[in-house]
Each structure stands twice: as C-alpha cells, then as structure tokens.
Amino acid sequence: MTKTTRLSTTCTLQLRKKKHRLHKNSFEAAVIEAVDEGFALFGHSSKQAIYFHLENTFKIKKQEIPYKIEEFADAIEQIFGAGAKLIEIRIIEALHGKNQGFVHFPKKRDLMFTEYVDSLHAFLRPQTF
C-alpha cells in the first residue's frame, strides 16, 4: 500500500510594517545624529550637559527629539537665545547631507527649523497605496 502525503506551506509577508519600521529608524537616526553634530560644536562634555539639561529641565530625552521637534526648538531657544538659530542651521546642514534627494521649499520667506524637519519626515515616510 502506497501512502501519499501533501505538504502545504503558507507564507505571509508584511512588507508595509517592515517598511514603516525602516522609515521610523532612518528618520529617528538621521535627526538624532544631526542634533549630535550640531551640539558637537561645543565639545563632548558640553554636549552631554546640554542633553542632561534637555531631559531634566524640559523633559525631552535624546531619543524623543525627532518626535518633539517643536518642544526641542523651544528648549534650545530658551537655553541659547538667538544662538539657537545657529545650532538649528547646523542641524539642518547635517540632515541635508544625510538625505540626498530631499528638497525643502519653505512656505514663507524664512527657513523654519521645525517646518524643515516636518517636511523631511513627510519625505521619508513610506508611501502606502
């Protein structure tokens, strides 16, 4: 007597979730690295002190910066005053260098840091069909 066995395998792929995860990580990593580069102008010890101040005074952890851009911008303005604009420009330069192909057209004549980061976030967001 011959026995016949049928094997059936089901494979499910969830590419959208994986894509979203990659987007999230790339956006977060790009912003955090750019902020690090912006703060690096002050030296390692000062950079650590700034992160400490952001977390303890403004309740913004380093990993939360990409999603608390408005609060981050307000915090560095309170810390550095008019000098915050120079840090924002440095962060924008670093972000631009990490995201070739991204072009930002400001809505107003002035370049706004938060608007730039929001625009980059939208650019890196995966398109769903």
C-alpha atoms as a PDB file:
ATOM      1  CA  MET A   1       0.000   0.000   0.000  1.00  0.00           C
ATOM      2  CA  THR A   2       1.345   3.412  -1.013  1.00  0.00           C
ATOM      3  CA  LYS A   3       0.725   6.458   1.136  1.00  0.00           C
ATOM      4  CA  THR A   4       0.532   9.929  -0.456  1.00  0.00           C
ATOM      5  CA  THR A   5       1.269  12.967   1.693  1.00  0.00           C
ATOM      6  CA  ARG A   6       0.589  16.505   0.602  1.00  0.00           C
ATOM      7  CA  LEU A   7       2.599  19.262   2.156  1.00  0.00           C
ATOM      8  CA  SER A   8       1.237  22.738   2.181  1.00  0.00           C
ATOM      9  CA  THR A   9       3.125  25.794   3.344  1.00  0.00           C
ATOM     10  CA  THR A  10       1.656  29.208   3.855  1.00  0.00           C
ATOM     11  CA  CYS A  11       3.877  32.233   3.853  1.00  0.00           C
ATOM     12  CA  THR A  12       2.697  35.687   4.825  1.00  0.00           C
ATOM     13  CA  LEU A  13       4.768  38.794   4.251  1.00  0.00           C
ATOM     14  CA  GLN A  14       4.050  42.136   5.840  1.00  0.00           C
ATOM     15  CA  LEU A  15       6.190  44.486   3.821  1.00  0.00           C
ATOM     16  CA  ARG A  16       4.378  47.633   4.843  1.00  0.00           C
ATOM     17  CA  LYS A  17       5.081  47.170   8.516  1.00  0.00           C
ATOM     18  CA  LYS A  18       8.722  46.441   7.795  1.00  0.00           C
ATOM     19  CA  LYS A  19       8.959  49.496   5.543  1.00  0.00           C
ATOM     20  CA  HIS A  20       7.404  51.671   8.227  1.00  0.00           C
ATOM     21  CA  ARG A  21       9.896  50.359  10.769  1.00  0.00           C
ATOM     22  CA  LEU A  22      12.778  51.208   8.425  1.00  0.00           C
ATOM     23  CA  HIS A  23      11.351  54.703   7.904  1.00  0.00           C
ATOM     24  CA  LYS A  24      10.959  55.242  11.605  1.00  0.00           C
ATOM     25  CA  ASN A  25      14.500  54.142  12.326  1.00  0.00           C
ATOM     26  CA  SER A  26      16.037  56.129   9.468  1.00  0.00           C
ATOM     27  CA  PHE A  27      14.185  59.323  10.399  1.00  0.00           C
ATOM     28  CA  GLU A  28      14.972  58.960  14.095  1.00  0.00           C
ATOM     29  CA  ALA A  29      18.599  58.113  13.430  1.00  0.00           C
ATOM     30  CA  ALA A  30      19.054  60.993  10.983  1.00  0.00           C
ATOM     31  CA  VAL A  31      17.606  63.571  13.388  1.00  0.00           C
ATOM     32  CA  ILE A  32      19.494  62.279  16.430  1.00  0.00           C
ATOM     33  CA  GLU A  33      22.791  62.145  14.518  1.00  0.00           C
ATOM     34  CA  ALA A  34      22.221  65.648  13.138  1.00  0.00           C
ATOM     35  CA  VAL A  35      21.469  67.021  16.613  1.00  0.00           C
ATOM     36  CA  ASP A  36      24.635  65.312  17.874  1.00  0.00           C
ATOM     37  CA  GLU A  37      26.602  67.026  15.117  1.00  0.00           C
ATOM     38  CA  GLY A  38      25.009  70.369  15.957  1.00  0.00           C
ATOM     39  CA  PHE A  39      25.907  70.016  19.632  1.00  0.00           C
ATOM     40  CA  ALA A  40      29.396  68.671  18.833  1.00  0.00           C
ATOM     41  CA  LEU A  41      30.485  72.258  18.197  1.00  0.00           C
ATOM     42  CA  PHE A  42      30.524  72.692  21.974  1.00  0.00           C
ATOM     43  CA  GLY A  43      32.685  69.638  22.692  1.00  0.00           C
ATOM     44  CA  HIS A  44      31.812  66.285  24.228  1.00  0.00           C
ATOM     45  CA  SER A  45      31.316  67.409  27.850  1.00  0.00           C
ATOM     46  CA  SER A  46      29.148  70.365  26.900  1.00  0.00           C
ATOM     47  CA  LYS A  47      27.108  68.216  24.525  1.00  0.00           C
ATOM     48  CA  GLN A  48      26.382  65.779  27.368  1.00  0.00           C
ATOM     49  CA  ALA A  49      25.453  68.700  29.638  1.00  0.00           C
ATOM     50  CA  ILE A  50      23.002  70.014  27.017  1.00  0.00           C
ATOM     51  CA  TYR A  51      21.319  66.592  26.727  1.00  0.00           C
ATOM     52  CA  PHE A  52      21.164  66.389  30.535  1.00  0.00           C
ATOM     53  CA  HIS A  53      19.558  69.837  30.685  1.00  0.00           C
ATOM     54  CA  LEU A  54      17.069  68.957  27.935  1.00  0.00           C
ATOM     55  CA  GLU A  55      15.998  65.810  29.768  1.00  0.00           C
ATOM     56  CA  ASN A  56      15.838  67.191  33.308  1.00  0.00           C
ATOM     57  CA  THR A  57      14.556  70.716  32.707  1.00  0.00           C
ATOM     58  CA  PHE A  58      12.484  70.291  29.541  1.00  0.00           C
ATOM     59  CA  LYS A  59      11.591  66.569  29.840  1.00  0.00           C
ATOM     60  CA  ILE A  60      12.929  65.793  26.362  1.00  0.00           C
ATOM     61  CA  LYS A  61      15.013  62.630  26.134  1.00  0.00           C
ATOM     62  CA  LYS A  62      17.525  62.356  23.309  1.00  0.00           C
ATOM     63  CA  GLN A  63      15.504  59.564  21.647  1.00  0.00           C
ATOM     64  CA  GLU A  64      12.334  61.702  21.761  1.00  0.00           C
ATOM     65  CA  ILE A  65      13.782  64.693  19.910  1.00  0.00           C
ATOM     66  CA  PRO A  66      12.623  63.562  16.431  1.00  0.00           C
ATOM     67  CA  TYR A  67       9.022  63.489  17.658  1.00  0.00           C
ATOM     68  CA  LYS A  68       9.189  66.555  19.900  1.00  0.00           C
ATOM     69  CA  ILE A  69      10.740  68.980  17.419  1.00  0.00           C
ATOM     70  CA  GLU A  70       8.618  71.965  18.491  1.00  0.00           C
ATOM     71  CA  GLU A  71       9.490  71.412  22.166  1.00  0.00           C
ATOM     72  CA  PHE A  72      13.148  70.820  21.277  1.00  0.00           C
ATOM     73  CA  ALA A  73      13.326  74.059  19.260  1.00  0.00           C
ATOM     74  CA  ASP A  74      11.703  75.991  22.116  1.00  0.00           C
ATOM     75  CA  ALA A  75      14.093  74.424  24.647  1.00  0.00           C
ATOM     76  CA  ILE A  76      17.279  75.257  22.754  1.00  0.00           C
ATOM     77  CA  GLU A  77      15.973  78.778  22.187  1.00  0.00           C
ATOM     78  CA  GLN A  78      15.497  79.159  25.931  1.00  0.00           C
ATOM     79  CA  ILE A  79      18.974  77.754  26.567  1.00  0.00           C
ATOM     80  CA  PHE A  80      20.896  79.593  23.828  1.00  0.00           C
ATOM     81  CA  GLY A  81      18.701  82.551  22.951  1.00  0.00           C
ATOM     82  CA  ALA A  82      19.441  83.922  19.471  1.00  0.00           C
ATOM     83  CA  GLY A  83      22.338  81.432  19.220  1.00  0.00           C
ATOM     84  CA  ALA A  84      19.772  78.648  18.862  1.00  0.00           C
ATOM     85  CA  LYS A  85      19.333  79.643  15.199  1.00  0.00           C
ATOM     86  CA  LEU A  86      22.986  78.803  14.533  1.00  0.00           C
ATOM     87  CA  ILE A  87      22.513  75.367  16.094  1.00  0.00           C
ATOM     88  CA  GLU A  88      19.344  74.818  14.055  1.00  0.00           C
ATOM     89  CA  ILE A  89      21.209  75.728  10.865  1.00  0.00           C
ATOM     90  CA  ARG A  90      23.967  73.276  11.739  1.00  0.00           C
ATOM     91  CA  ILE A  91      21.377  70.538  12.339  1.00  0.00           C
ATOM     92  CA  ILE A  92      19.660  71.349   9.019  1.00  0.00           C
ATOM     93  CA  GLU A  93      23.028  71.140   7.220  1.00  0.00           C
ATOM     94  CA  ALA A  94      23.684  67.729   8.777  1.00  0.00           C
ATOM     95  CA  LEU A  95      20.190  66.483   7.870  1.00  0.00           C
ATOM     96  CA  HIS A  96      20.594  67.701   4.312  1.00  0.00           C
ATOM     97  CA  GLY A  97      23.895  65.857   3.997  1.00  0.00           C
ATOM     98  CA  LYS A  98      22.291  62.626   5.190  1.00  0.00           C
ATOM     99  CA  ASN A  99      19.261  62.818   2.904  1.00  0.00           C
ATOM    100  CA  GLN A 100      20.380  63.342  -0.659  1.00  0.00           C
ATOM    101  CA  GLY A 101      17.451  63.941  -2.966  1.00  0.00           C
ATOM    102  CA  PHE A 102      15.409  65.769  -0.355  1.00  0.00           C
ATOM    103  CA  VAL A 103      14.457  69.309  -1.324  1.00  0.00           C
ATOM    104  CA  HIS A 104      12.619  71.649   1.002  1.00  0.00           C
ATOM    105  CA  PHE A 105      10.678  74.665  -0.197  1.00  0.00           C
ATOM    106  CA  PRO A 106       9.824  76.937   2.744  1.00  0.00           C
ATOM    107  CA  LYS A 107       6.217  78.091   2.878  1.00  0.00           C
ATOM    108  CA  LYS A 108       7.346  81.554   3.918  1.00  0.00           C
ATOM    109  CA  ARG A 109      10.433  83.523   3.075  1.00  0.00           C
ATOM    110  CA  ASP A 110      12.197  82.470   6.285  1.00  0.00           C
ATOM    111  CA  LEU A 111      13.528  78.964   6.777  1.00  0.00           C
ATOM    112  CA  MET A 112      11.881  77.454   9.847  1.00  0.00           C
ATOM    113  CA  PHE A 113      13.701  74.609  11.594  1.00  0.00           C
ATOM    114  CA  THR A 114      10.528  72.798  12.673  1.00  0.00           C
ATOM    115  CA  GLU A 115       8.999  73.123   9.205  1.00  0.00           C
ATOM    116  CA  TYR A 116      12.168  71.682   7.649  1.00  0.00           C
ATOM    117  CA  VAL A 117      12.172  68.642   9.960  1.00  0.00           C
ATOM    118  CA  ASP A 118       8.442  68.052   9.429  1.00  0.00           C
ATOM    119  CA  SER A 119       8.967  68.228   5.671  1.00  0.00           C
ATOM    120  CA  LEU A 120      11.855  65.743   5.893  1.00  0.00           C
ATOM    121  CA  HIS A 121       9.694  63.421   7.984  1.00  0.00           C
ATOM    122  CA  ALA A 122       6.978  63.506   5.322  1.00  0.00           C
ATOM    123  CA  PHE A 123       9.586  62.900   2.592  1.00  0.00           C
ATOM    124  CA  LEU A 124      10.957  59.828   4.365  1.00  0.00           C
ATOM    125  CA  ARG A 125       7.505  58.457   5.198  1.00  0.00           C
ATOM    126  CA  PRO A 126       6.796  55.418   3.048  1.00  0.00           C
ATOM    127  CA  GLN A 127       4.009  55.805   0.566  1.00  0.00           C
ATOM    128  CA  THR A 128       1.085  53.442   1.030  1.00  0.00           C
ATOM    129  CA  PHE A 129      -1.007  52.521  -1.950  1.00  0.00           C
END
